[in-house]
Amino acid sequence: MKQVIVIAQIAVSVLIIISVLIQNRGSGLSSVFGGGNIYRTKRGLERGLFILTVILVILFIAIGALNLVISS
């Protein structure tokens, strides 16, 4: 049982890494190259990816707490 939880936590962590890496990268340095301060809302795929990332982080925390409860 504990091995299944550890494998699930590793899988979720890999999915979190992937979802963070494929999000919009150019927003941090856009003001350096003349992009200015453009405030906009997330729409479409960008919003879905953001929500997926939040859900994965919540799932990662829940699996970590479950792992802690089982190991003690």
N, C-alpha and C. Protein backbone atom coordinates (compact mmCIF):
# COMPACT_ATOMS: atom_id res chain seq x y z
N MET A 1 0.83 -1.20 0.00
CA MET A 1 0.00 0.00 0.00
C MET A 1 0.87 1.27 0.00
N LYS A 2 1.91 1.25 0.83
CA LYS A 2 2.78 2.41 0.91
C LYS A 2 3.52 2.66 -0.41
N GLN A 3 3.90 1.58 -1.10
CA GLN A 3 4.59 1.74 -2.38
C GLN A 3 3.68 2.35 -3.44
N VAL A 4 2.41 2.00 -3.40
CA VAL A 4 1.45 2.57 -4.35
C VAL A 4 1.32 4.07 -4.12
N ILE A 5 1.28 4.49 -2.86
CA ILE A 5 1.16 5.91 -2.54
C ILE A 5 2.42 6.66 -2.97
N VAL A 6 3.57 6.08 -2.76
CA VAL A 6 4.83 6.73 -3.17
C VAL A 6 4.89 6.86 -4.68
N ILE A 7 4.49 5.82 -5.40
CA ILE A 7 4.49 5.88 -6.87
C ILE A 7 3.49 6.92 -7.37
N ALA A 8 2.32 7.00 -6.72
CA ALA A 8 1.32 8.00 -7.11
C ALA A 8 1.85 9.40 -6.86
N GLN A 9 2.55 9.60 -5.76
CA GLN A 9 3.10 10.92 -5.46
C GLN A 9 4.19 11.30 -6.47
N ILE A 10 4.99 10.36 -6.87
CA ILE A 10 6.02 10.63 -7.88
C ILE A 10 5.37 10.98 -9.22
N ALA A 11 4.32 10.24 -9.59
CA ALA A 11 3.63 10.51 -10.85
C ALA A 11 2.98 11.89 -10.85
N VAL A 12 2.35 12.25 -9.74
CA VAL A 12 1.71 13.56 -9.65
C VAL A 12 2.77 14.67 -9.68
N SER A 13 3.90 14.44 -9.04
CA SER A 13 4.95 15.47 -9.06
C SER A 13 5.50 15.68 -10.47
N VAL A 14 5.63 14.61 -11.23
CA VAL A 14 6.09 14.75 -12.62
C VAL A 14 5.06 15.52 -13.45
N LEU A 15 3.77 15.24 -13.22
CA LEU A 15 2.73 15.98 -13.93
C LEU A 15 2.71 17.45 -13.55
N ILE A 16 2.99 17.76 -12.29
CA ILE A 16 3.07 19.16 -11.87
C ILE A 16 4.24 19.86 -12.58
N ILE A 17 5.36 19.20 -12.64
CA ILE A 17 6.53 19.79 -13.31
C ILE A 17 6.22 20.06 -14.78
N ILE A 18 5.59 19.11 -15.44
CA ILE A 18 5.25 19.28 -16.85
C ILE A 18 4.25 20.42 -17.04
N SER A 19 3.23 20.47 -16.19
CA SER A 19 2.20 21.51 -16.36
C SER A 19 2.76 22.90 -16.08
N VAL A 20 3.71 23.02 -15.17
CA VAL A 20 4.32 24.33 -14.91
C VAL A 20 5.23 24.73 -16.06
N LEU A 21 5.97 23.78 -16.62
CA LEU A 21 6.90 24.11 -17.69
C LEU A 21 6.22 24.51 -18.99
N ILE A 22 5.02 23.99 -19.26
CA ILE A 22 4.37 24.33 -20.54
C ILE A 22 3.47 25.55 -20.43
N GLN A 23 3.42 26.18 -19.27
CA GLN A 23 2.64 27.41 -19.15
C GLN A 23 3.38 28.56 -19.82
N ASN A 24 2.73 29.68 -19.94
CA ASN A 24 3.27 30.85 -20.65
C ASN A 24 4.58 31.30 -20.01
N ARG A 25 5.65 31.28 -20.79
CA ARG A 25 6.98 31.60 -20.27
C ARG A 25 7.35 33.06 -20.44
N GLY A 26 6.84 33.74 -21.44
CA GLY A 26 7.30 35.07 -21.79
C GLY A 26 6.79 36.19 -20.92
N SER A 27 5.96 35.94 -19.93
CA SER A 27 5.37 37.03 -19.17
C SER A 27 6.35 37.66 -18.19
N GLY A 28 7.37 36.95 -17.77
CA GLY A 28 8.30 37.49 -16.78
C GLY A 28 9.24 38.53 -17.34
N LEU A 29 9.75 38.33 -18.54
CA LEU A 29 10.72 39.25 -19.12
C LEU A 29 10.11 40.16 -20.18
N SER A 30 8.80 40.19 -20.30
CA SER A 30 8.19 40.98 -21.37
C SER A 30 8.40 42.47 -21.16
N SER A 31 8.43 42.92 -19.90
CA SER A 31 8.60 44.35 -19.67
C SER A 31 10.03 44.81 -19.98
N VAL A 32 11.01 43.92 -19.92
CA VAL A 32 12.39 44.26 -20.23
C VAL A 32 12.55 44.59 -21.71
N PHE A 33 11.84 43.87 -22.54
CA PHE A 33 11.95 44.04 -23.99
C PHE A 33 10.83 44.89 -24.58
N GLY A 34 10.20 45.71 -23.77
CA GLY A 34 9.20 46.64 -24.28
C GLY A 34 7.78 46.11 -24.25
N GLY A 35 7.52 45.06 -23.55
CA GLY A 35 6.17 44.52 -23.48
C GLY A 35 5.24 45.34 -22.61
N GLY A 36 5.79 46.03 -21.64
CA GLY A 36 4.97 46.86 -20.77
C GLY A 36 4.16 46.05 -19.78
N ASN A 37 3.32 46.75 -19.06
CA ASN A 37 2.45 46.09 -18.09
C ASN A 37 1.09 45.85 -18.72
N ILE A 38 0.90 44.67 -19.20
CA ILE A 38 -0.37 44.30 -19.81
C ILE A 38 -1.06 43.33 -18.88
N TYR A 39 -2.19 43.74 -18.34
CA TYR A 39 -2.95 42.88 -17.46
C TYR A 39 -4.09 42.26 -18.25
N ARG A 40 -4.17 40.95 -18.20
CA ARG A 40 -5.24 40.27 -18.93
C ARG A 40 -5.66 39.06 -18.14
N THR A 41 -6.81 38.52 -18.50
CA THR A 41 -7.31 37.34 -17.82
C THR A 41 -6.91 36.09 -18.58
N LYS A 42 -6.86 34.99 -17.87
CA LYS A 42 -6.53 33.72 -18.51
C LYS A 42 -7.79 33.19 -19.22
N ARG A 43 -7.59 32.71 -20.44
CA ARG A 43 -8.72 32.19 -21.21
C ARG A 43 -8.32 30.91 -21.92
N GLY A 44 -9.30 30.08 -22.16
CA GLY A 44 -9.09 28.89 -22.97
C GLY A 44 -8.14 27.89 -22.36
N LEU A 45 -7.19 27.47 -23.18
CA LEU A 45 -6.22 26.45 -22.78
C LEU A 45 -5.35 26.92 -21.62
N GLU A 46 -5.00 28.19 -21.61
CA GLU A 46 -4.16 28.73 -20.53
C GLU A 46 -4.88 28.63 -19.18
N ARG A 47 -6.16 28.93 -19.16
CA ARG A 47 -6.94 28.83 -17.92
C ARG A 47 -7.09 27.38 -17.49
N GLY A 48 -7.36 26.50 -18.44
CA GLY A 48 -7.50 25.08 -18.12
C GLY A 48 -6.22 24.50 -17.57
N LEU A 49 -5.09 24.90 -18.13
CA LEU A 49 -3.80 24.43 -17.65
C LEU A 49 -3.52 24.95 -16.24
N PHE A 50 -3.91 26.19 -15.97
CA PHE A 50 -3.73 26.76 -14.64
C PHE A 50 -4.58 26.00 -13.61
N ILE A 51 -5.82 25.72 -13.95
CA ILE A 51 -6.71 24.98 -13.04
C ILE A 51 -6.19 23.56 -12.84
N LEU A 52 -5.71 22.92 -13.90
CA LEU A 52 -5.12 21.59 -13.78
C LEU A 52 -3.92 21.60 -12.84
N THR A 53 -3.08 22.63 -12.93
CA THR A 53 -1.92 22.73 -12.06
C THR A 53 -2.34 22.87 -10.60
N VAL A 54 -3.35 23.68 -10.34
CA VAL A 54 -3.83 23.86 -8.97
C VAL A 54 -4.39 22.55 -8.43
N ILE A 55 -5.16 21.84 -9.24
CA ILE A 55 -5.72 20.56 -8.83
C ILE A 55 -4.62 19.55 -8.54
N LEU A 56 -3.60 19.51 -9.38
CA LEU A 56 -2.49 18.58 -9.17
C LEU A 56 -1.72 18.90 -7.89
N VAL A 57 -1.55 20.19 -7.58
CA VAL A 57 -0.85 20.56 -6.35
C VAL A 57 -1.68 20.15 -5.13
N ILE A 58 -2.99 20.35 -5.18
CA ILE A 58 -3.86 19.92 -4.08
C ILE A 58 -3.81 18.41 -3.92
N LEU A 59 -3.82 17.69 -5.02
CA LEU A 59 -3.71 16.23 -4.98
C LEU A 59 -2.37 15.79 -4.41
N PHE A 60 -1.30 16.48 -4.79
CA PHE A 60 0.03 16.17 -4.27
C PHE A 60 0.09 16.36 -2.76
N ILE A 61 -0.50 17.44 -2.25
CA ILE A 61 -0.53 17.68 -0.81
C ILE A 61 -1.36 16.62 -0.09
N ALA A 62 -2.49 16.24 -0.69
CA ALA A 62 -3.34 15.22 -0.07
C ALA A 62 -2.63 13.86 -0.03
N ILE A 63 -1.94 13.50 -1.08
CA ILE A 63 -1.21 12.23 -1.10
C ILE A 63 -0.06 12.28 -0.09
N GLY A 64 0.59 13.41 0.04
CA GLY A 64 1.66 13.56 1.02
C GLY A 64 1.13 13.43 2.44
N ALA A 65 -0.03 14.01 2.72
CA ALA A 65 -0.63 13.88 4.04
C ALA A 65 -1.05 12.42 4.30
N LEU A 66 -1.59 11.78 3.30
CA LEU A 66 -1.97 10.36 3.44
C LEU A 66 -0.73 9.50 3.69
N ASN A 67 0.34 9.78 3.02
CA ASN A 67 1.60 9.07 3.22
C ASN A 67 2.11 9.27 4.64
N LEU A 68 1.97 10.49 5.15
CA LEU A 68 2.39 10.78 6.51
C LEU A 68 1.55 10.03 7.55
N VAL A 69 0.24 9.95 7.30
CA VAL A 69 -0.65 9.26 8.22
C VAL A 69 -0.37 7.77 8.23
N ILE A 70 -0.14 7.21 7.05
CA ILE A 70 0.10 5.76 6.96
C ILE A 70 1.45 5.39 7.57
N SER A 71 2.46 6.24 7.40
CA SER A 71 3.78 5.90 7.89
C SER A 71 3.92 6.03 9.41
N SER A 72 3.00 6.76 10.03
CA SER A 72 3.12 6.91 11.49
C SER A 72 2.25 5.95 12.26
